[in-house]
Amino acid sequence: MYTLMQHLIAFKYACKINHWSTDSYSEHLLFDRLAEDLDTYADNIAESHFMALNKKDVFKADLLNPKLISKDLVKMCDTIIEYLEKLQNDDDLNEGDLSLLGDIESAFLGKLALAQLTK
């Protein structure tokens, strides 16, 4: 779950880098739209998984992993969706975590469609 949080935060920053780098107003708005809800997803994972299990000590400065940031948002969406699917097959996760992961995956399928418009 920590790695998922890293991917979500990296995706947000990749969206913002693209947002700040474009001269196109429509792309500027699209990159903002792609960044929507990412803080909420990360916060929900932190609270429902780590904080609920009293694992707050996992949060370190490496939460923003710059190696995960890419300007290729389609590739990043694909990676996140694959990782979400892998996590959903983890028998150690509770129903709340699985539900949250399913919601995030649904949202990222929509983000993937939007990201494809940037190509």
PDB file of N, CA and C in Angstrom:
ATOM      1  N   MET A   1       0.826  -1.193   0.000  1.00  0.00           N
ATOM      2  CA  MET A   1       0.000   0.000   0.000  1.00  0.00           C
ATOM      3  C   MET A   1       0.876   1.266   0.000  1.00  0.00           C
ATOM      4  N   TYR A   2       2.030   1.187   0.665  1.00  0.00           N
ATOM      5  CA  TYR A   2       2.931   2.340   0.693  1.00  0.00           C
ATOM      6  C   TYR A   2       3.418   2.660  -0.725  1.00  0.00           C
ATOM      7  N   THR A   3       3.754   1.621  -1.466  1.00  0.00           N
ATOM      8  CA  THR A   3       4.211   1.816  -2.848  1.00  0.00           C
ATOM      9  C   THR A   3       3.101   2.440  -3.688  1.00  0.00           C
ATOM     10  N   LEU A   4       1.865   2.042  -3.456  1.00  0.00           N
ATOM     11  CA  LEU A   4       0.745   2.650  -4.174  1.00  0.00           C
ATOM     12  C   LEU A   4       0.672   4.142  -3.861  1.00  0.00           C
ATOM     13  N   MET A   5       0.819   4.490  -2.593  1.00  0.00           N
ATOM     14  CA  MET A   5       0.820   5.907  -2.229  1.00  0.00           C
ATOM     15  C   MET A   5       1.935   6.648  -2.960  1.00  0.00           C
ATOM     16  N   GLN A   6       3.106   6.027  -3.060  1.00  0.00           N
ATOM     17  CA  GLN A   6       4.217   6.652  -3.785  1.00  0.00           C
ATOM     18  C   GLN A   6       3.842   6.886  -5.252  1.00  0.00           C
ATOM     19  N   HIS A   7       3.203   5.916  -5.862  1.00  0.00           N
ATOM     20  CA  HIS A   7       2.793   6.057  -7.265  1.00  0.00           C
ATOM     21  C   HIS A   7       1.752   7.161  -7.435  1.00  0.00           C
ATOM     22  N   LEU A   8       0.804   7.230  -6.516  1.00  0.00           N
ATOM     23  CA  LEU A   8      -0.233   8.265  -6.602  1.00  0.00           C
ATOM     24  C   LEU A   8       0.369   9.658  -6.464  1.00  0.00           C
ATOM     25  N   ILE A   9       1.273   9.821  -5.537  1.00  0.00           N
ATOM     26  CA  ILE A   9       1.916  11.123  -5.330  1.00  0.00           C
ATOM     27  C   ILE A   9       2.796  11.477  -6.522  1.00  0.00           C
ATOM     28  N   ALA A  10       3.505  10.504  -7.058  1.00  0.00           N
ATOM     29  CA  ALA A  10       4.328  10.742  -8.248  1.00  0.00           C
ATOM     30  C   ALA A  10       3.459  11.136  -9.435  1.00  0.00           C
ATOM     31  N   PHE A  11       2.299  10.490  -9.574  1.00  0.00           N
ATOM     32  CA  PHE A  11       1.391  10.822 -10.674  1.00  0.00           C
ATOM     33  C   PHE A  11       0.894  12.256 -10.541  1.00  0.00           C
ATOM     34  N   LYS A  12       0.576  12.660  -9.325  1.00  0.00           N
ATOM     35  CA  LYS A  12       0.130  14.038  -9.119  1.00  0.00           C
ATOM     36  C   LYS A  12       1.209  15.017  -9.585  1.00  0.00           C
ATOM     37  N   TYR A  13       2.446  14.766  -9.185  1.00  0.00           N
ATOM     38  CA  TYR A  13       3.523  15.679  -9.572  1.00  0.00           C
ATOM     39  C   TYR A  13       3.799  15.625 -11.067  1.00  0.00           C
ATOM     40  N   ALA A  14       3.648  14.472 -11.680  1.00  0.00           N
ATOM     41  CA  ALA A  14       3.811  14.373 -13.136  1.00  0.00           C
ATOM     42  C   ALA A  14       2.732  15.203 -13.836  1.00  0.00           C
ATOM     43  N   CYS A  15       1.515  15.144 -13.320  1.00  0.00           N
ATOM     44  CA  CYS A  15       0.436  15.965 -13.891  1.00  0.00           C
ATOM     45  C   CYS A  15       0.759  17.445 -13.758  1.00  0.00           C
ATOM     46  N   LYS A  16       1.275  17.846 -12.601  1.00  0.00           N
ATOM     47  CA  LYS A  16       1.590  19.254 -12.390  1.00  0.00           C
ATOM     48  C   LYS A  16       2.757  19.698 -13.272  1.00  0.00           C
ATOM     49  N   ILE A  17       3.757  18.855 -13.451  1.00  0.00           N
ATOM     50  CA  ILE A  17       4.881  19.188 -14.340  1.00  0.00           C
ATOM     51  C   ILE A  17       4.363  19.414 -15.757  1.00  0.00           C
ATOM     52  N   ASN A  18       3.506  18.509 -16.224  1.00  0.00           N
ATOM     53  CA  ASN A  18       2.904  18.672 -17.557  1.00  0.00           C
ATOM     54  C   ASN A  18       2.044  19.934 -17.604  1.00  0.00           C
ATOM     55  N   HIS A  19       1.294  20.170 -16.560  1.00  0.00           N
ATOM     56  CA  HIS A  19       0.413  21.335 -16.446  1.00  0.00           C
ATOM     57  C   HIS A  19       1.219  22.637 -16.591  1.00  0.00           C
ATOM     58  N   TRP A  20       2.334  22.714 -15.894  1.00  0.00           N
ATOM     59  CA  TRP A  20       3.160  23.926 -15.904  1.00  0.00           C
ATOM     60  C   TRP A  20       3.983  24.060 -17.191  1.00  0.00           C
ATOM     61  N   SER A  21       4.107  22.977 -17.946  1.00  0.00           N
ATOM     62  CA  SER A  21       4.969  22.975 -19.132  1.00  0.00           C
ATOM     63  C   SER A  21       4.236  23.223 -20.444  1.00  0.00           C
ATOM     64  N   THR A  22       2.917  23.198 -20.423  1.00  0.00           N
ATOM     65  CA  THR A  22       2.176  23.311 -21.677  1.00  0.00           C
ATOM     66  C   THR A  22       1.837  24.761 -22.008  1.00  0.00           C
ATOM     67  N   ASP A  23       1.759  25.040 -23.291  1.00  0.00           N
ATOM     68  CA  ASP A  23       1.293  26.338 -23.763  1.00  0.00           C
ATOM     69  C   ASP A  23      -0.183  26.289 -24.153  1.00  0.00           C
ATOM     70  N   SER A  24      -0.741  25.089 -24.149  1.00  0.00           N
ATOM     71  CA  SER A  24      -2.129  24.887 -24.551  1.00  0.00           C
ATOM     72  C   SER A  24      -3.049  25.027 -23.337  1.00  0.00           C
ATOM     73  N   TYR A  25      -4.001  25.934 -23.432  1.00  0.00           N
ATOM     74  CA  TYR A  25      -4.933  26.143 -22.321  1.00  0.00           C
ATOM     75  C   TYR A  25      -5.778  24.896 -22.077  1.00  0.00           C
ATOM     76  N   SER A  26      -6.212  24.238 -23.145  1.00  0.00           N
ATOM     77  CA  SER A  26      -7.040  23.039 -22.966  1.00  0.00           C
ATOM     78  C   SER A  26      -6.231  21.922 -22.284  1.00  0.00           C
ATOM     79  N   GLU A  27      -4.959  21.759 -22.649  1.00  0.00           N
ATOM     80  CA  GLU A  27      -4.126  20.758 -21.977  1.00  0.00           C
ATOM     81  C   GLU A  27      -3.862  21.163 -20.527  1.00  0.00           C
ATOM     82  N   HIS A  28      -3.686  22.454 -20.309  1.00  0.00           N
ATOM     83  CA  HIS A  28      -3.488  22.979 -18.958  1.00  0.00           C
ATOM     84  C   HIS A  28      -4.645  22.520 -18.050  1.00  0.00           C
ATOM     85  N   LEU A  29      -5.865  22.667 -18.542  1.00  0.00           N
ATOM     86  CA  LEU A  29      -7.048  22.243 -17.792  1.00  0.00           C
ATOM     87  C   LEU A  29      -7.127  20.717 -17.663  1.00  0.00           C
ATOM     88  N   LEU A  30      -6.736  20.024 -18.722  1.00  0.00           N
ATOM     89  CA  LEU A  30      -6.770  18.562 -18.708  1.00  0.00           C
ATOM     90  C   LEU A  30      -5.805  18.013 -17.656  1.00  0.00           C
ATOM     91  N   PHE A  31      -4.610  18.580 -17.580  1.00  0.00           N
ATOM     92  CA  PHE A  31      -3.645  18.107 -16.586  1.00  0.00           C
ATOM     93  C   PHE A  31      -4.147  18.375 -15.166  1.00  0.00           C
ATOM     94  N   ASP A  32      -4.824  19.496 -14.966  1.00  0.00           N
ATOM     95  CA  ASP A  32      -5.440  19.758 -13.660  1.00  0.00           C
ATOM     96  C   ASP A  32      -6.494  18.700 -13.348  1.00  0.00           C
ATOM     97  N   ARG A  33      -7.280  18.371 -14.333  1.00  0.00           N
ATOM     98  CA  ARG A  33      -8.328  17.364 -14.128  1.00  0.00           C
ATOM     99  C   ARG A  33      -7.736  15.995 -13.790  1.00  0.00           C
ATOM    100  N   LEU A  34      -6.622  15.669 -14.437  1.00  0.00           N
ATOM    101  CA  LEU A  34      -5.955  14.402 -14.144  1.00  0.00           C
ATOM    102  C   LEU A  34      -5.423  14.355 -12.708  1.00  0.00           C
ATOM    103  N   ALA A  35      -5.057  15.508 -12.172  1.00  0.00           N
ATOM    104  CA  ALA A  35      -4.510  15.564 -10.810  1.00  0.00           C
ATOM    105  C   ALA A  35      -5.589  15.551  -9.733  1.00  0.00           C
ATOM    106  N   GLU A  36      -6.850  15.719 -10.132  1.00  0.00           N
ATOM    107  CA  GLU A  36      -7.941  15.757  -9.160  1.00  0.00           C
ATOM    108  C   GLU A  36      -8.021  14.459  -8.351  1.00  0.00           C
ATOM    109  N   ASP A  37      -8.347  14.608  -7.097  1.00  0.00           N
ATOM    110  CA  ASP A  37      -8.640  13.507  -6.170  1.00  0.00           C
ATOM    111  C   ASP A  37      -7.421  12.698  -5.726  1.00  0.00           C
ATOM    112  N   LEU A  38      -6.238  12.996  -6.254  1.00  0.00           N
ATOM    113  CA  LEU A  38      -5.077  12.189  -5.889  1.00  0.00           C
ATOM    114  C   LEU A  38      -4.706  12.350  -4.417  1.00  0.00           C
ATOM    115  N   ASP A  39      -4.809  13.566  -3.896  1.00  0.00           N
ATOM    116  CA  ASP A  39      -4.543  13.768  -2.470  1.00  0.00           C
ATOM    117  C   ASP A  39      -5.554  13.002  -1.628  1.00  0.00           C
ATOM    118  N   THR A  40      -6.795  12.980  -2.061  1.00  0.00           N
ATOM    119  CA  THR A  40      -7.834  12.257  -1.324  1.00  0.00           C
ATOM    120  C   THR A  40      -7.545  10.766  -1.306  1.00  0.00           C
ATOM    121  N   TYR A  41      -7.142  10.207  -2.449  1.00  0.00           N
ATOM    122  CA  TYR A  41      -6.825   8.774  -2.502  1.00  0.00           C
ATOM    123  C   TYR A  41      -5.673   8.446  -1.555  1.00  0.00           C
ATOM    124  N   ALA A  42      -4.603   9.238  -1.613  1.00  0.00           N
ATOM    125  CA  ALA A  42      -3.446   8.989  -0.746  1.00  0.00           C
ATOM    126  C   ALA A  42      -3.848   9.124   0.724  1.00  0.00           C
ATOM    127  N   ASP A  43      -4.638  10.134   1.037  1.00  0.00           N
ATOM    128  CA  ASP A  43      -5.085  10.349   2.411  1.00  0.00           C
ATOM    129  C   ASP A  43      -5.963   9.199   2.894  1.00  0.00           C
ATOM    130  N   ASN A  44      -6.844   8.719   2.030  1.00  0.00           N
ATOM    131  CA  ASN A  44      -7.701   7.594   2.412  1.00  0.00           C
ATOM    132  C   ASN A  44      -6.887   6.337   2.686  1.00  0.00           C
ATOM    133  N   ILE A  45      -5.861   6.097   1.890  1.00  0.00           N
ATOM    134  CA  ILE A  45      -4.991   4.932   2.125  1.00  0.00           C
ATOM    135  C   ILE A  45      -4.259   5.108   3.447  1.00  0.00           C
ATOM    136  N   ALA A  46      -3.702   6.296   3.673  1.00  0.00           N
ATOM    137  CA  ALA A  46      -2.964   6.549   4.912  1.00  0.00           C
ATOM    138  C   ALA A  46      -3.854   6.325   6.130  1.00  0.00           C
ATOM    139  N   GLU A  47      -5.059   6.849   6.077  1.00  0.00           N
ATOM    140  CA  GLU A  47      -5.934   6.769   7.244  1.00  0.00           C
ATOM    141  C   GLU A  47      -6.566   5.397   7.423  1.00  0.00           C
ATOM    142  N   SER A  48      -7.076   4.817   6.337  1.00  0.00           N
ATOM    143  CA  SER A  48      -7.811   3.559   6.481  1.00  0.00           C
ATOM    144  C   SER A  48      -6.887   2.350   6.593  1.00  0.00           C
ATOM    145  N   HIS A  49      -5.679   2.458   6.091  1.00  0.00           N
ATOM    146  CA  HIS A  49      -4.779   1.305   6.158  1.00  0.00           C
ATOM    147  C   HIS A  49      -3.711   1.496   7.237  1.00  0.00           C
ATOM    148  N   PHE A  50      -2.875   2.491   7.065  1.00  0.00           N
ATOM    149  CA  PHE A  50      -1.730   2.631   7.962  1.00  0.00           C
ATOM    150  C   PHE A  50      -2.097   3.169   9.346  1.00  0.00           C
ATOM    151  N   MET A  51      -2.862   4.238   9.391  1.00  0.00           N
ATOM    152  CA  MET A  51      -3.211   4.817  10.687  1.00  0.00           C
ATOM    153  C   MET A  51      -4.140   3.896  11.473  1.00  0.00           C
ATOM    154  N   ALA A  52      -5.071   3.254  10.779  1.00  0.00           N
ATOM    155  CA  ALA A  52      -5.997   2.339  11.455  1.00  0.00           C
ATOM    156  C   ALA A  52      -5.254   1.146  12.059  1.00  0.00           C
ATOM    157  N   LEU A  53      -4.154   0.754  11.428  1.00  0.00           N
ATOM    158  CA  LEU A  53      -3.357  -0.375  11.931  1.00  0.00           C
ATOM    159  C   LEU A  53      -2.206   0.089  12.820  1.00  0.00           C
ATOM    160  N   ASN A  54      -2.214   1.368  13.180  1.00  0.00           N
ATOM    161  CA  ASN A  54      -1.171   1.972  14.014  1.00  0.00           C
ATOM    162  C   ASN A  54       0.226   1.769  13.409  1.00  0.00           C
ATOM    163  N   LYS A  55       0.319   1.988  12.088  1.00  0.00           N
ATOM    164  CA  LYS A  55       1.597   1.863  11.371  1.00  0.00           C
ATOM    165  C   LYS A  55       2.049   3.224  10.845  1.00  0.00           C
ATOM    166  N   LYS A  56       1.882   4.262  11.658  1.00  0.00           N
ATOM    167  CA  LYS A  56       2.223   5.616  11.228  1.00  0.00           C
ATOM    168  C   LYS A  56       3.718   5.806  11.015  1.00  0.00           C
ATOM    169  N   ASP A  57       4.519   4.925  11.574  1.00  0.00           N
ATOM    170  CA  ASP A  57       5.970   5.065  11.454  1.00  0.00           C
ATOM    171  C   ASP A  57       6.484   4.771  10.039  1.00  0.00           C
ATOM    172  N   VAL A  58       5.632   4.282   9.144  1.00  0.00           N
ATOM    173  CA  VAL A  58       6.074   3.991   7.774  1.00  0.00           C
ATOM    174  C   VAL A  58       6.289   5.259   6.952  1.00  0.00           C
ATOM    175  N   PHE A  59       5.674   6.355   7.376  1.00  0.00           N
ATOM    176  CA  PHE A  59       5.732   7.569   6.567  1.00  0.00           C
ATOM    177  C   PHE A  59       7.095   8.234   6.695  1.00  0.00           C
ATOM    178  N   LYS A  60       7.817   8.242   5.601  1.00  0.00           N
ATOM    179  CA  LYS A  60       9.177   8.782   5.543  1.00  0.00           C
ATOM    180  C   LYS A  60       9.265   9.798   4.410  1.00  0.00           C
ATOM    181  N   ALA A  61      10.398  10.446   4.333  1.00  0.00           N
ATOM    182  CA  ALA A  61      10.623  11.447   3.290  1.00  0.00           C
ATOM    183  C   ALA A  61      10.610  10.839   1.890  1.00  0.00           C
ATOM    184  N   ASP A  62      10.796   9.524   1.784  1.00  0.00           N
ATOM    185  CA  ASP A  62      10.810   8.888   0.464  1.00  0.00           C
ATOM    186  C   ASP A  62       9.415   8.670  -0.104  1.00  0.00           C
ATOM    187  N   LEU A  63       8.395   9.191   0.593  1.00  0.00           N
ATOM    188  CA  LEU A  63       7.034   9.044   0.082  1.00  0.00           C
ATOM    189  C   LEU A  63       6.915   9.642  -1.318  1.00  0.00           C
ATOM    190  N   LEU A  64       7.594  10.761  -1.548  1.00  0.00           N
ATOM    191  CA  LEU A  64       7.692  11.277  -2.915  1.00  0.00           C
ATOM    192  C   LEU A  64       8.947  10.669  -3.523  1.00  0.00           C
ATOM    193  N   ASN A  65       8.755   9.687  -4.362  1.00  0.00           N
ATOM    194  CA  ASN A  65       9.870   8.994  -5.015  1.00  0.00           C
ATOM    195  C   ASN A  65      10.021   9.564  -6.423  1.00  0.00           C
ATOM    196  N   PRO A  66      11.013  10.441  -6.627  1.00  0.00           N
ATOM    197  CA  PRO A  66      11.158  11.086  -7.937  1.00  0.00           C
ATOM    198  C   PRO A  66      11.397  10.107  -9.088  1.00  0.00           C
ATOM    199  N   LYS A  67      11.890   8.927  -8.779  1.00  0.00           N
ATOM    200  CA  LYS A  67      12.140   7.936  -9.833  1.00  0.00           C
ATOM    201  C   LYS A  67      10.843   7.440 -10.468  1.00  0.00           C
ATOM    202  N   LEU A  68       9.730   7.623  -9.782  1.00  0.00           N
ATOM    203  CA  LEU A  68       8.446   7.170 -10.313  1.00  0.00           C
ATOM    204  C   LEU A  68       7.777   8.204 -11.207  1.00  0.00           C
ATOM    205  N   ILE A  69       8.302   9.430 -11.232  1.00  0.00           N
ATOM    206  CA  ILE A  69       7.686  10.513 -12.000  1.00  0.00           C
ATOM    207  C   ILE A  69       8.116  10.435 -13.456  1.00  0.00           C
ATOM    208  N   SER A  70       7.136  10.497 -14.345  1.00  0.00           N
ATOM    209  CA  SER A  70       7.382  10.476 -15.789  1.00  0.00           C
ATOM    210  C   SER A  70       6.406  11.447 -16.443  1.00  0.00           C
ATOM    211  N   LYS A  71       6.816  12.049 -17.538  1.00  0.00           N
ATOM    212  CA  LYS A  71       5.880  12.909 -18.269  1.00  0.00           C
ATOM    213  C   LYS A  71       4.880  12.083 -19.077  1.00  0.00           C
ATOM    214  N   ASP A  72       5.130  10.773 -19.200  1.00  0.00           N
ATOM    215  CA  ASP A  72       4.231   9.881 -19.927  1.00  0.00           C
ATOM    216  C   ASP A  72       3.119   9.423 -18.985  1.00  0.00           C
ATOM    217  N   LEU A  73       2.031  10.177 -18.962  1.00  0.00           N
ATOM    218  CA  LEU A  73       0.941   9.908 -18.027  1.00  0.00           C
ATOM    219  C   LEU A  73       0.179   8.633 -18.361  1.00  0.00           C
ATOM    220  N   VAL A  74       0.133   8.262 -19.633  1.00  0.00           N
ATOM    221  CA  VAL A  74      -0.525   7.011 -20.023  1.00  0.00           C
ATOM    222  C   VAL A  74       0.222   5.834 -19.395  1.00  0.00           C
ATOM    223  N   LYS A  75       1.531   5.851 -19.514  1.00  0.00           N
ATOM    224  CA  LYS A  75       2.345   4.778 -18.947  1.00  0.00           C
ATOM    225  C   LYS A  75       2.187   4.742 -17.427  1.00  0.00           C
ATOM    226  N   MET A  76       2.154   5.911 -16.805  1.00  0.00           N
ATOM    227  CA  MET A  76       1.985   5.953 -15.352  1.00  0.00           C
ATOM    228  C   MET A  76       0.620   5.399 -14.944  1.00  0.00           C
ATOM    229  N   CYS A  77      -0.426   5.746 -15.689  1.00  0.00           N
ATOM    230  CA  CYS A  77      -1.768   5.201 -15.406  1.00  0.00           C
ATOM    231  C   CYS A  77      -1.764   3.681 -15.529  1.00  0.00           C
ATOM    232  N   ASP A  78      -1.173   3.179 -16.597  1.00  0.00           N
ATOM    233  CA  ASP A  78      -1.098   1.728 -16.788  1.00  0.00           C
ATOM    234  C   ASP A  78      -0.388   1.052 -15.620  1.00  0.00           C
ATOM    235  N   THR A  79       0.713   1.628 -15.178  1.00  0.00           N
ATOM    236  CA  THR A  79       1.481   1.068 -14.062  1.00  0.00           C
ATOM    237  C   THR A  79       0.650   1.058 -12.786  1.00  0.00           C
ATOM    238  N   ILE A  80      -0.053   2.139 -12.529  1.00  0.00           N
ATOM    239  CA  ILE A  80      -0.878   2.227 -11.320  1.00  0.00           C
ATOM    240  C   ILE A  80      -2.034   1.230 -11.381  1.00  0.00           C
ATOM    241  N   ILE A  81      -2.673   1.111 -12.523  1.00  0.00           N
ATOM    242  CA  ILE A  81      -3.782   0.151 -12.670  1.00  0.00           C
ATOM    243  C   ILE A  81      -3.279  -1.273 -12.462  1.00  0.00           C
ATOM    244  N   GLU A  82      -2.141  -1.607 -13.043  1.00  0.00           N
ATOM    245  CA  GLU A  82      -1.561  -2.943 -12.850  1.00  0.00           C
ATOM    246  C   GLU A  82      -1.249  -3.192 -11.379  1.00  0.00           C
ATOM    247  N   TYR A  83      -0.703  -2.182 -10.714  1.00  0.00           N
ATOM    248  CA  TYR A  83      -0.367  -2.333  -9.304  1.00  0.00           C
ATOM    249  C   TYR A  83      -1.636  -2.491  -8.454  1.00  0.00           C
ATOM    250  N   LEU A  84      -2.671  -1.736  -8.779  1.00  0.00           N
ATOM    251  CA  LEU A  84      -3.948  -1.861  -8.069  1.00  0.00           C
ATOM    252  C   LEU A  84      -4.521  -3.268  -8.226  1.00  0.00           C
ATOM    253  N   GLU A  85      -4.455  -3.810  -9.429  1.00  0.00           N
ATOM    254  CA  GLU A  85      -4.967  -5.159  -9.661  1.00  0.00           C
ATOM    255  C   GLU A  85      -4.179  -6.187  -8.855  1.00  0.00           C
ATOM    256  N   LYS A  86      -2.874  -5.995  -8.786  1.00  0.00           N
ATOM    257  CA  LYS A  86      -2.023  -6.895  -7.998  1.00  0.00           C
ATOM    258  C   LYS A  86      -2.408  -6.818  -6.517  1.00  0.00           C
ATOM    259  N   LEU A  87      -2.582  -5.618  -6.009  1.00  0.00           N
ATOM    260  CA  LEU A  87      -2.942  -5.447  -4.605  1.00  0.00           C
ATOM    261  C   LEU A  87      -4.303  -6.076  -4.291  1.00  0.00           C
ATOM    262  N   GLN A  88      -5.240  -5.976  -5.215  1.00  0.00           N
ATOM    263  CA  GLN A  88      -6.580  -6.508  -4.968  1.00  0.00           C
ATOM    264  C   GLN A  88      -6.594  -8.035  -4.882  1.00  0.00           C
ATOM    265  N   ASN A  89      -5.521  -8.666  -5.302  1.00  0.00           N
ATOM    266  CA  ASN A  89      -5.402 -10.121  -5.180  1.00  0.00           C
ATOM    267  C   ASN A  89      -4.688 -10.535  -3.896  1.00  0.00           C
ATOM    268  N   ASP A  90      -4.352  -9.549  -3.045  1.00  0.00           N
ATOM    269  CA  ASP A  90      -3.674  -9.806  -1.779  1.00  0.00           C
ATOM    270  C   ASP A  90      -4.704 -10.249  -0.736  1.00  0.00           C
ATOM    271  N   ASP A  91      -4.564 -11.475  -0.263  1.00  0.00           N
ATOM    272  CA  ASP A  91      -5.519 -12.029   0.695  1.00  0.00           C
ATOM    273  C   ASP A  91      -5.424 -11.384   2.079  1.00  0.00           C
ATOM    274  N   ASP A  92      -4.364 -10.623   2.332  1.00  0.00           N
ATOM    275  CA  ASP A  92      -4.181 -10.014   3.652  1.00  0.00           C
ATOM    276  C   ASP A  92      -4.931  -8.698   3.819  1.00  0.00           C
ATOM    277  N   LEU A  93      -5.504  -8.167   2.758  1.00  0.00           N
ATOM    278  CA  LEU A  93      -6.212  -6.894   2.853  1.00  0.00           C
ATOM    279  C   LEU A  93      -7.652  -7.111   3.291  1.00  0.00           C
ATOM    280  N   ASN A  94      -8.157  -6.163   4.071  1.00  0.00           N
ATOM    281  CA  ASN A  94      -9.540  -6.269   4.538  1.00  0.00           C
ATOM    282  C   ASN A  94     -10.499  -5.717   3.486  1.00  0.00           C
ATOM    283  N   GLU A  95     -11.783  -5.910   3.726  1.00  0.00           N
ATOM    284  CA  GLU A  95     -12.804  -5.485   2.758  1.00  0.00           C
ATOM    285  C   GLU A  95     -12.781  -3.978   2.512  1.00  0.00           C
ATOM    286  N   GLY A  96     -12.504  -3.203   3.552  1.00  0.00           N
ATOM    287  CA  GLY A  96     -12.438  -1.748   3.385  1.00  0.00           C
ATOM    288  C   GLY A  96     -11.320  -1.342   2.446  1.00  0.00           C
ATOM    289  N   ASP A  97     -10.135  -1.955   2.627  1.00  0.00           N
ATOM    290  CA  ASP A  97      -9.011  -1.667   1.742  1.00  0.00           C
ATOM    291  C   ASP A  97      -9.327  -2.086   0.309  1.00  0.00           C
ATOM    292  N   LEU A  98      -9.927  -3.250   0.158  1.00  0.00           N
ATOM    293  CA  LEU A  98     -10.257  -3.746  -1.181  1.00  0.00           C
ATOM    294  C   LEU A  98     -11.268  -2.841  -1.871  1.00  0.00           C
ATOM    295  N   SER A  99     -12.233  -2.361  -1.124  1.00  0.00           N
ATOM    296  CA  SER A  99     -13.220  -1.442  -1.682  1.00  0.00           C
ATOM    297  C   SER A  99     -12.558  -0.140  -2.128  1.00  0.00           C
ATOM    298  N   LEU A 100     -11.685   0.394  -1.285  1.00  0.00           N
ATOM    299  CA  LEU A 100     -10.958   1.614  -1.622  1.00  0.00           C
ATOM    300  C   LEU A 100     -10.112   1.416  -2.879  1.00  0.00           C
ATOM    301  N   LEU A 101      -9.415   0.292  -2.960  1.00  0.00           N
ATOM    302  CA  LEU A 101      -8.592   0.007  -4.141  1.00  0.00           C
ATOM    303  C   LEU A 101      -9.450  -0.101  -5.395  1.00  0.00           C
ATOM    304  N   GLY A 102     -10.610  -0.712  -5.279  1.00  0.00           N
ATOM    305  CA  GLY A 102     -11.522  -0.805  -6.419  1.00  0.00           C
ATOM    306  C   GLY A 102     -11.984   0.566  -6.878  1.00  0.00           C
ATOM    307  N   ASP A 103     -12.273   1.448  -5.920  1.00  0.00           N
ATOM    308  CA  ASP A 103     -12.690   2.813  -6.267  1.00  0.00           C
ATOM    309  C   ASP A 103     -11.560   3.564  -6.971  1.00  0.00           C
ATOM    310  N   ILE A 104     -10.351   3.405  -6.468  1.00  0.00           N
ATOM    311  CA  ILE A 104      -9.203   4.083  -7.088  1.00  0.00           C
ATOM    312  C   ILE A 104      -8.959   3.531  -8.484  1.00  0.00           C
ATOM    313  N   GLU A 105      -9.088   2.221  -8.647  1.00  0.00           N
ATOM    314  CA  GLU A 105      -8.900   1.623  -9.971  1.00  0.00           C
ATOM    315  C   GLU A 105      -9.932   2.155 -10.963  1.00  0.00           C
ATOM    316  N   SER A 106     -11.171   2.247 -10.543  1.00  0.00           N
ATOM    317  CA  SER A 106     -12.216   2.798 -11.424  1.00  0.00           C
ATOM    318  C   SER A 106     -11.861   4.218 -11.841  1.00  0.00           C
ATOM    319  N   ALA A 107     -11.411   5.002 -10.892  1.00  0.00           N
ATOM    320  CA  ALA A 107     -11.027   6.383 -11.201  1.00  0.00           C
ATOM    321  C   ALA A 107      -9.844   6.422 -12.169  1.00  0.00           C
ATOM    322  N   PHE A 108      -8.900   5.520 -11.996  1.00  0.00           N
ATOM    323  CA  PHE A 108      -7.729   5.525 -12.871  1.00  0.00           C
ATOM    324  C   PHE A 108      -8.033   5.013 -14.268  1.00  0.00           C
ATOM    325  N   LEU A 109      -9.047   4.210 -14.418  1.00  0.00           N
ATOM    326  CA  LEU A 109      -9.462   3.839 -15.772  1.00  0.00           C
ATOM    327  C   LEU A 109      -9.972   5.080 -16.503  1.00  0.00           C
ATOM    328  N   GLY A 110     -10.676   5.943 -15.794  1.00  0.00           N
ATOM    329  CA  GLY A 110     -11.106   7.222 -16.367  1.00  0.00           C
ATOM    330  C   GLY A 110      -9.930   8.141 -16.630  1.00  0.00           C
ATOM    331  N   LYS A 111      -8.967   8.170 -15.699  1.00  0.00           N
ATOM    332  CA  LYS A 111      -7.773   9.003 -15.889  1.00  0.00           C
ATOM    333  C   LYS A 111      -6.960   8.509 -17.090  1.00  0.00           C
ATOM    334  N   LEU A 112      -6.925   7.203 -17.287  1.00  0.00           N
ATOM    335  CA  LEU A 112      -6.207   6.636 -18.436  1.00  0.00           C
ATOM    336  C   LEU A 112      -6.815   7.162 -19.739  1.00  0.00           C
ATOM    337  N   ALA A 113      -8.129   7.165 -19.815  1.00  0.00           N
ATOM    338  CA  ALA A 113      -8.799   7.673 -21.019  1.00  0.00           C
ATOM    339  C   ALA A 113      -8.459   9.157 -21.241  1.00  0.00           C
ATOM    340  N   LEU A 114      -8.434   9.922 -20.173  1.00  0.00           N
ATOM    341  CA  LEU A 114      -8.070  11.344 -20.293  1.00  0.00           C
ATOM    342  C   LEU A 114      -6.601  11.506 -20.672  1.00  0.00           C
ATOM    343  N   ALA A 115      -5.743  10.709 -20.059  1.00  0.00           N
ATOM    344  CA  ALA A 115      -4.303  10.801 -20.342  1.00  0.00           C
ATOM    345  C   ALA A 115      -4.020  10.497 -21.811  1.00  0.00           C
ATOM    346  N   GLN A 116      -4.799   9.602 -22.399  1.00  0.00           N
ATOM    347  CA  GLN A 116      -4.606   9.269 -23.808  1.00  0.00           C
ATOM    348  C   GLN A 116      -4.882  10.456 -24.714  1.00  0.00           C
ATOM    349  N   LEU A 117      -5.658  11.421 -24.233  1.00  0.00           N
ATOM    350  CA  LEU A 117      -5.921  12.644 -25.008  1.00  0.00           C
ATOM    351  C   LEU A 117      -4.695  13.558 -25.076  1.00  0.00           C
ATOM    352  N   THR A 118      -3.735  13.323 -24.195  1.00  0.00           N
ATOM    353  CA  THR A 118      -2.536  14.167 -24.169  1.00  0.00           C
ATOM    354  C   THR A 118      -1.481  13.697 -25.160  1.00  0.00           C
ATOM    355  N   LYS A 119      -1.690  12.569 -25.769  1.00  0.00           N
ATOM    356  CA  LYS A 119      -0.693  11.998 -26.709  1.00  0.00           C
ATOM    357  C   LYS A 119      -0.826  12.627 -28.076  1.00  0.00           C
TER     358      LYS A 119
END
